[in-house]
C-alpha atoms as a PDB file:
ATOM      1  CA  MET A   1       0.000   0.000   0.000  1.00  0.00           C
ATOM      2  CA  ALA A   2       1.310   3.441  -0.894  1.00  0.00           C
ATOM      3  CA  ALA A   3       2.417   5.812   1.847  1.00  0.00           C
ATOM      4  CA  LYS A   4      -0.384   8.217   0.955  1.00  0.00           C
ATOM      5  CA  ASP A   5      -2.988   5.479   1.304  1.00  0.00           C
ATOM      6  CA  MET A   6      -1.502   4.415   4.648  1.00  0.00           C
ATOM      7  CA  ALA A   7      -1.747   7.989   5.902  1.00  0.00           C
ATOM      8  CA  MET A   8      -5.410   8.164   4.917  1.00  0.00           C
ATOM      9  CA  VAL A   9      -6.119   4.890   6.722  1.00  0.00           C
ATOM     10  CA  ASN A  10      -4.384   6.159   9.871  1.00  0.00           C
ATOM     11  CA  GLU A  11      -6.421   9.367   9.777  1.00  0.00           C
ATOM     12  CA  LEU A  12      -9.636   7.360   9.581  1.00  0.00           C
ATOM     13  CA  ARG A  13      -8.573   5.179  12.500  1.00  0.00           C
ATOM     14  CA  ASP A  14      -7.263   8.031  14.613  1.00  0.00           C
ATOM     15  CA  PRO A  15      -9.127  11.241  13.682  1.00  0.00           C
ATOM     16  CA  PRO A  16      -7.295  14.413  14.702  1.00  0.00           C
ATOM     17  CA  VAL A  17      -8.219  15.739  18.119  1.00  0.00           C
ATOM     18  CA  PRO A  18      -9.872  19.158  17.798  1.00  0.00           C
ATOM     19  CA  ARG A  19      -7.730  21.912  19.211  1.00  0.00           C
ATOM     20  CA  GLU A  20      -9.044  23.615  22.323  1.00  0.00           C
ATOM     21  CA  PRO A  21      -9.809  27.334  21.843  1.00  0.00           C
ATOM     22  CA  ARG A  22      -7.084  29.498  23.311  1.00  0.00           C
ATOM     23  CA  THR A  23      -8.059  31.192  26.563  1.00  0.00           C
ATOM     24  CA  PRO A  24      -8.017  34.957  25.998  1.00  0.00           C
ATOM     25  CA  GLY A  25      -6.029  37.068  28.407  1.00  0.00           C
ATOM     26  CA  MET A  26      -7.262  40.071  30.348  1.00  0.00           C
ATOM     27  CA  ALA A  27      -4.489  42.355  29.122  1.00  0.00           C
ATOM     28  CA  TRP A  28      -6.334  43.419  25.976  1.00  0.00           C
ATOM     29  CA  PRO A  29      -9.651  44.395  27.624  1.00  0.00           C
ATOM     30  CA  ILE A  30      -7.753  46.419  30.242  1.00  0.00           C
ATOM     31  CA  ALA A  31      -5.670  48.059  27.511  1.00  0.00           C
ATOM     32  CA  ILE A  32      -8.837  48.897  25.554  1.00  0.00           C
ATOM     33  CA  PHE A  33     -10.447  50.582  28.574  1.00  0.00           C
ATOM     34  CA  ILE A  34      -7.294  52.538  29.390  1.00  0.00           C
ATOM     35  CA  GLY A  35      -6.706  53.439  25.746  1.00  0.00           C
ATOM     36  CA  THR A  36     -10.280  54.693  25.360  1.00  0.00           C
ATOM     37  CA  ALA A  37      -9.921  56.936  28.399  1.00  0.00           C
ATOM     38  CA  MET A  38      -6.531  58.229  27.200  1.00  0.00           C
ATOM     39  CA  LEU A  39      -7.887  58.922  23.724  1.00  0.00           C
ATOM     40  CA  ALA A  40     -10.803  60.896  25.171  1.00  0.00           C
ATOM     41  CA  GLY A  41      -8.343  62.832  27.333  1.00  0.00           C
ATOM     42  CA  GLY A  42      -6.223  63.522  24.266  1.00  0.00           C
ATOM     43  CA  PHE A  43      -9.197  64.984  22.416  1.00  0.00           C
ATOM     44  CA  ALA A  44     -10.051  67.163  25.422  1.00  0.00           C
ATOM     45  CA  GLY A  45      -6.443  68.353  25.727  1.00  0.00           C
ATOM     46  CA  TYR A  46      -6.263  69.149  22.015  1.00  0.00           C
ATOM     47  CA  SER A  47      -9.478  71.160  22.250  1.00  0.00           C
ATOM     48  CA  GLU A  48      -8.105  73.161  25.202  1.00  0.00           C
ATOM     49  CA  ALA A  49      -4.872  73.805  23.300  1.00  0.00           C
ATOM     50  CA  ARG A  50      -6.854  75.192  20.354  1.00  0.00           C
ATOM     51  CA  VAL A  51      -8.654  77.604  22.682  1.00  0.00           C
ATOM     52  CA  GLU A  52      -5.355  78.765  24.198  1.00  0.00           C
ATOM     53  CA  HIS A  53      -4.055  79.557  20.694  1.00  0.00           C
ATOM     54  CA  GLY A  54      -7.145  81.589  19.831  1.00  0.00           C
ATOM     55  CA  GLN A  55      -8.835  78.917  17.730  1.00  0.00           C
ATOM     56  CA  SER A  56     -12.312  77.519  18.126  1.00  0.00           C
ATOM     57  CA  ALA A  57     -12.723  74.569  20.452  1.00  0.00           C
ATOM     58  CA  LEU A  58     -13.804  71.172  19.204  1.00  0.00           C
ATOM     59  CA  SER A  59     -17.340  70.077  19.897  1.00  0.00           C
ATOM     60  CA  PRO A  60     -17.257  68.638  23.448  1.00  0.00           C
ATOM     61  CA  TRP A  61     -19.272  65.632  22.300  1.00  0.00           C
ATOM     62  CA  ALA A  62     -17.248  64.839  19.174  1.00  0.00           C
ATOM     63  CA  GLY A  63     -14.048  63.642  20.805  1.00  0.00           C
ATOM     64  CA  ALA A  64     -15.924  61.712  23.491  1.00  0.00           C
ATOM     65  CA  MET A  65     -18.128  59.890  20.994  1.00  0.00           C
ATOM     66  CA  ILE A  66     -15.168  59.058  18.722  1.00  0.00           C
ATOM     67  CA  ALA A  67     -13.206  57.620  21.668  1.00  0.00           C
ATOM     68  CA  ILE A  68     -16.193  55.596  22.889  1.00  0.00           C
ATOM     69  CA  ALA A  69     -16.950  54.298  19.371  1.00  0.00           C
ATOM     70  CA  LEU A  70     -13.337  53.228  18.791  1.00  0.00           C
ATOM     71  CA  GLY A  71     -13.199  51.556  22.201  1.00  0.00           C
ATOM     72  CA  ALA A  72     -16.432  49.666  21.504  1.00  0.00           C
ATOM     73  CA  ALA A  73     -15.139  48.581  18.090  1.00  0.00           C
ATOM     74  CA  ALA A  74     -11.862  47.362  19.572  1.00  0.00           C
ATOM     75  CA  PHE A  75     -13.677  45.348  22.229  1.00  0.00           C
ATOM     76  CA  ALA A  76     -16.023  43.861  19.599  1.00  0.00           C
ATOM     77  CA  LEU A  77     -12.979  42.701  17.597  1.00  0.00           C
ATOM     78  CA  TYR A  78     -11.513  41.167  20.758  1.00  0.00           C
ATOM     79  CA  VAL A  79     -14.713  39.203  21.410  1.00  0.00           C
ATOM     80  CA  ARG A  80     -14.950  38.133  17.770  1.00  0.00           C
ATOM     81  CA  ARG A  81     -11.372  36.898  17.739  1.00  0.00           C
ATOM     82  CA  HIS A  82     -12.095  34.620  20.703  1.00  0.00           C
ATOM     83  CA  ALA A  83     -15.674  33.767  19.705  1.00  0.00           C
ATOM     84  CA  ASP A  84     -15.055  30.001  19.931  1.00  0.00           C
ATOM     85  CA  TRP A  85     -13.914  30.308  23.534  1.00  0.00           C
ATOM     86  CA  PHE A  86     -16.773  32.592  24.572  1.00  0.00           C
ATOM     87  CA  ALA A  87     -19.290  30.265  22.864  1.00  0.00           C
ATOM     88  CA  ARG A  88     -18.447  27.579  25.434  1.00  0.00           C
ATOM     89  CA  TRP A  89     -19.728  29.741  28.294  1.00  0.00           C
ATOM     90  CA  SER A  90     -23.054  28.958  29.890  1.00  0.00           C
ATOM     91  CA  PRO A  91     -25.839  31.542  29.514  1.00  0.00           C
ATOM     92  CA  ARG A  92     -25.518  32.320  33.240  1.00  0.00           C
ATOM     93  CA  LYS A  93     -21.808  33.049  32.942  1.00  0.00           C
ATOM     94  CA  ARG A  94     -22.384  35.259  29.892  1.00  0.00           C
ATOM     95  CA  LEU A  95     -25.006  37.336  31.689  1.00  0.00           C
ATOM     96  CA  TYR A  96     -22.696  37.671  34.671  1.00  0.00           C
ATOM     97  CA  TRP A  97     -19.843  39.111  32.609  1.00  0.00           C
ATOM     98  CA  ILE A  98     -22.215  41.273  30.600  1.00  0.00           C
ATOM     99  CA  SER A  99     -23.372  42.853  33.881  1.00  0.00           C
ATOM    100  CA  ILE A 100     -19.764  43.422  35.003  1.00  0.00           C
ATOM    101  CA  LEU A 101     -18.730  44.937  31.672  1.00  0.00           C
ATOM    102  CA  LEU A 102     -21.866  47.086  31.555  1.00  0.00           C
ATOM    103  CA  ALA A 103     -21.095  48.502  34.999  1.00  0.00           C
ATOM    104  CA  GLY A 104     -17.484  49.208  33.988  1.00  0.00           C
ATOM    105  CA  ALA A 105     -18.533  50.786  30.709  1.00  0.00           C
ATOM    106  CA  LEU A 106     -21.076  52.913  32.583  1.00  0.00           C
ATOM    107  CA  GLY A 107     -18.351  54.424  34.758  1.00  0.00           C
ATOM    108  CA  LEU A 108     -15.989  54.890  31.834  1.00  0.00           C
ATOM    109  CA  VAL A 109     -18.560  56.603  29.613  1.00  0.00           C
ATOM    110  CA  SER A 110     -19.703  58.841  32.474  1.00  0.00           C
ATOM    111  CA  ALA A 111     -16.118  59.920  33.162  1.00  0.00           C
ATOM    112  CA  ILE A 112     -15.490  60.595  29.467  1.00  0.00           C
ATOM    113  CA  MET A 113     -18.656  62.660  29.121  1.00  0.00           C
ATOM    114  CA  LEU A 114     -17.821  64.686  32.226  1.00  0.00           C
ATOM    115  CA  GLN A 115     -14.358  65.331  30.854  1.00  0.00           C
ATOM    116  CA  ALA A 116     -15.840  66.329  27.507  1.00  0.00           C
ATOM    117  CA  GLY A 117     -18.087  68.798  29.323  1.00  0.00           C
ATOM    118  CA  GLY A 118     -15.027  70.576  30.701  1.00  0.00           C
ATOM    119  CA  ASN A 119     -14.796  68.820  34.070  1.00  0.00           C
ATOM    120  CA  ALA A 120     -11.292  67.399  34.187  1.00  0.00           C
ATOM    121  CA  ASP A 121     -11.647  66.925  37.951  1.00  0.00           C
ATOM    122  CA  LEU A 122     -14.318  64.237  38.210  1.00  0.00           C
ATOM    123  CA  LEU A 123     -14.971  65.047  41.877  1.00  0.00           C
ATOM    124  CA  SER A 124     -15.519  68.762  41.348  1.00  0.00           C
ATOM    125  CA  ASP A 125     -18.805  70.609  41.900  1.00  0.00           C
ATOM    126  CA  SER A 126     -18.439  72.869  38.869  1.00  0.00           C
ATOM    127  CA  ALA A 127     -21.523  73.690  36.808  1.00  0.00           C
ATOM    128  CA  LEU A 128     -22.767  71.350  34.078  1.00  0.00           C
ATOM    129  CA  THR A 129     -24.955  72.051  31.099  1.00  0.00           C
ATOM    130  CA  PRO A 130     -28.588  70.896  31.489  1.00  0.00           C
ATOM    131  CA  ALA A 131     -28.203  68.491  28.553  1.00  0.00           C
ATOM    132  CA  LEU A 132     -25.098  66.847  30.002  1.00  0.00           C
ATOM    133  CA  ALA A 133     -26.558  66.616  33.500  1.00  0.00           C
ATOM    134  CA  SER A 134     -29.804  65.095  32.198  1.00  0.00           C
ATOM    135  CA  GLY A 135     -28.000  62.630  29.952  1.00  0.00           C
ATOM    136  CA  LEU A 136     -25.644  61.454  32.695  1.00  0.00           C
ATOM    137  CA  SER A 137     -28.529  61.072  35.149  1.00  0.00           C
ATOM    138  CA  VAL A 138     -30.518  58.893  32.749  1.00  0.00           C
ATOM    139  CA  LEU A 139     -27.399  56.924  31.812  1.00  0.00           C
ATOM    140  CA  TRP A 140     -26.516  56.243  35.441  1.00  0.00           C
ATOM    141  CA  VAL A 141     -30.006  55.233  36.605  1.00  0.00           C
ATOM    142  CA  ALA A 142     -30.941  53.143  33.546  1.00  0.00           C
ATOM    143  CA  GLY A 143     -27.521  51.552  33.060  1.00  0.00           C
ATOM    144  CA  LEU A 144     -27.032  50.705  36.732  1.00  0.00           C
ATOM    145  CA  THR A 145     -30.555  49.257  36.986  1.00  0.00           C
ATOM    146  CA  VAL A 146     -29.977  46.906  34.033  1.00  0.00           C
ATOM    147  CA  ALA A 147     -26.497  45.908  35.242  1.00  0.00           C
ATOM    148  CA  LEU A 148     -27.735  45.116  38.768  1.00  0.00           C
ATOM    149  CA  ILE A 149     -30.715  43.097  37.531  1.00  0.00           C
ATOM    150  CA  LEU A 150     -28.414  40.952  35.384  1.00  0.00           C
ATOM    151  CA  TYR A 151     -25.852  40.657  38.168  1.00  0.00           C
ATOM    152  CA  HIS A 152     -28.260  39.515  40.875  1.00  0.00           C
ATOM    153  CA  ARG A 153     -29.802  36.943  38.529  1.00  0.00           C
ATOM    154  CA  THR A 154     -26.466  35.233  37.921  1.00  0.00           C
ATOM    155  CA  VAL A 155     -24.371  35.337  41.133  1.00  0.00           C
ATOM    156  CA  ASP A 156     -23.855  32.280  43.332  1.00  0.00           C
ATOM    157  CA  ASP A 157     -23.987  32.144  47.128  1.00  0.00           C
ATOM    158  CA  HIS A 158     -20.257  32.790  47.550  1.00  0.00           C
ATOM    159  CA  GLU A 159     -20.295  35.970  45.496  1.00  0.00           C
ATOM    160  CA  ARG A 160     -23.563  37.122  47.012  1.00  0.00           C
ATOM    161  CA  ASP A 161     -21.963  36.837  50.446  1.00  0.00           C
ATOM    162  CA  ALA A 162     -18.945  38.879  49.272  1.00  0.00           C
ATOM    163  CA  TYR A 163     -21.284  41.447  47.712  1.00  0.00           C
ATOM    164  CA  ASN A 164     -23.377  41.804  50.880  1.00  0.00           C
ATOM    165  CA  ARG A 165     -20.317  42.165  53.129  1.00  0.00           C
ATOM    166  CA  ALA A 166     -18.829  44.760  50.775  1.00  0.00           C
ATOM    167  CA  ALA A 167     -22.106  46.683  50.645  1.00  0.00           C
ATOM    168  CA  LEU A 168     -22.214  46.795  54.440  1.00  0.00           C
ATOM    169  CA  ALA A 169     -18.595  47.981  54.615  1.00  0.00           C
ATOM    170  CA  GLY A 170     -19.320  50.687  52.045  1.00  0.00           C
ATOM    171  CA  PHE A 171     -22.332  51.786  54.080  1.00  0.00           C
ATOM    172  CA  TYR A 172     -20.180  52.099  57.212  1.00  0.00           C
ATOM    173  CA  ALA A 173     -17.573  54.037  55.226  1.00  0.00           C
ATOM    174  CA  PHE A 174     -20.291  56.608  54.541  1.00  0.00           C
ATOM    175  CA  ILE A 175     -22.173  56.891  57.843  1.00  0.00           C
ATOM    176  CA  PHE A 176     -19.063  57.325  59.992  1.00  0.00           C
ATOM    177  CA  PRO A 177     -17.351  60.264  58.236  1.00  0.00           C
ATOM    178  CA  CYS A 178     -20.436  62.028  56.859  1.00  0.00           C
ATOM    179  CA  PRO A 179     -21.946  63.316  60.153  1.00  0.00           C
ATOM    180  CA  VAL A 180     -18.481  64.125  61.507  1.00  0.00           C
ATOM    181  CA  TRP A 181     -17.640  66.184  58.423  1.00  0.00           C
ATOM    182  CA  TRP A 182     -21.051  67.854  58.590  1.00  0.00           C
ATOM    183  CA  VAL A 183     -20.749  69.069  62.201  1.00  0.00           C
ATOM    184  CA  LEU A 184     -17.108  70.141  61.729  1.00  0.00           C
ATOM    185  CA  ALA A 185     -18.087  72.124  58.642  1.00  0.00           C
ATOM    186  CA  ARG A 186     -20.843  73.888  60.593  1.00  0.00           C
ATOM    187  CA  ALA A 187     -18.217  74.966  63.121  1.00  0.00           C
ATOM    188  CA  ASP A 188     -15.878  76.166  60.332  1.00  0.00           C
ATOM    189  CA  LEU A 189     -13.384  73.449  61.279  1.00  0.00           C
ATOM    190  CA  ALA A 190     -13.672  71.715  57.903  1.00  0.00           C
ATOM    191  CA  PRO A 191     -14.635  72.684  54.342  1.00  0.00           C
ATOM    192  CA  PRO A 192     -18.266  72.312  53.244  1.00  0.00           C
ATOM    193  CA  VAL A 193     -19.521  68.755  52.901  1.00  0.00           C
ATOM    194  CA  GLU A 194     -19.211  67.339  49.380  1.00  0.00           C
ATOM    195  CA  ALA A 195     -21.020  64.228  48.198  1.00  0.00           C
ATOM    196  CA  MET A 196     -18.551  62.854  45.654  1.00  0.00           C
ATOM    197  CA  PRO A 197     -15.521  62.376  47.980  1.00  0.00           C
ATOM    198  CA  LEU A 198     -17.787  60.441  50.359  1.00  0.00           C
ATOM    199  CA  PHE A 199     -19.152  58.441  47.440  1.00  0.00           C
ATOM    200  CA  ALA A 200     -15.623  57.665  46.232  1.00  0.00           C
ATOM    201  CA  LEU A 201     -14.557  56.575  49.725  1.00  0.00           C
ATOM    202  CA  SER A 202     -17.586  54.321  50.071  1.00  0.00           C
ATOM    203  CA  MET A 203     -16.964  52.714  46.670  1.00  0.00           C
ATOM    204  CA  ALA A 204     -13.253  52.209  47.381  1.00  0.00           C
ATOM    205  CA  VAL A 205     -13.994  50.431  50.670  1.00  0.00           C
ATOM    206  CA  ASN A 206     -16.709  48.420  48.953  1.00  0.00           C
ATOM    207  CA  ALA A 207     -14.280  47.267  46.238  1.00  0.00           C
ATOM    208  CA  VAL A 208     -11.519  46.292  48.674  1.00  0.00           C
ATOM    209  CA  VAL A 209     -13.839  44.268  50.924  1.00  0.00           C
ATOM    210  CA  TYR A 210     -15.526  42.620  47.944  1.00  0.00           C
ATOM    211  CA  CYS A 211     -12.218  41.514  46.427  1.00  0.00           C
ATOM    212  CA  TRP A 212     -11.012  40.234  49.807  1.00  0.00           C
ATOM    213  CA  PHE A 213     -14.006  37.953  50.420  1.00  0.00           C
ATOM    214  CA  LYS A 214     -14.343  36.876  46.786  1.00  0.00           C
ATOM    215  CA  PHE A 215     -10.725  35.997  45.983  1.00  0.00           C
ATOM    216  CA  ARG A 216      -9.105  35.105  49.315  1.00  0.00           C
END
């Protein structure tokens, strides 16, 4: 029997084992998020430079929307490249990661839109345009509602326990400093109370406690 025929017989007896899809790394999604934020910051910086040189500023929405669109396109290509691996996920696992990515994208888009509106300091209390304030309010309430519904439908008991402990820690991180700051401010011993620093503190404590109980 010819060598070619022998090879065909061996292939029929021992069919090739299908190759497992390569597990995608987390470096690219992180790079896409960071790159999107940096690109939006670059557009904002370029617009400010034009104003300083006596030229007209770019539309505050243009740079933000271009950065968000490019970031979304890059992430879609990442998912498409590893489509075989993602197709093996259960529907529950897909919904879980969709809720996580939606929450992350919500924060990223909100930060980009605030920056586009001229608020480089995300914790500042500077004035916003009515359109920007209304859009961010709707985005936050609607996006967070959808993300939380998906999240709570997919988590297991272990993660729910980590979530509840983190939520309690975040609550304590708010109720302890808030009244203290308030009474000190009334006595002119501290600056006026601001909501966003307290919100940031609460979220930071929440994240640390959540990661501790989830991954320890």
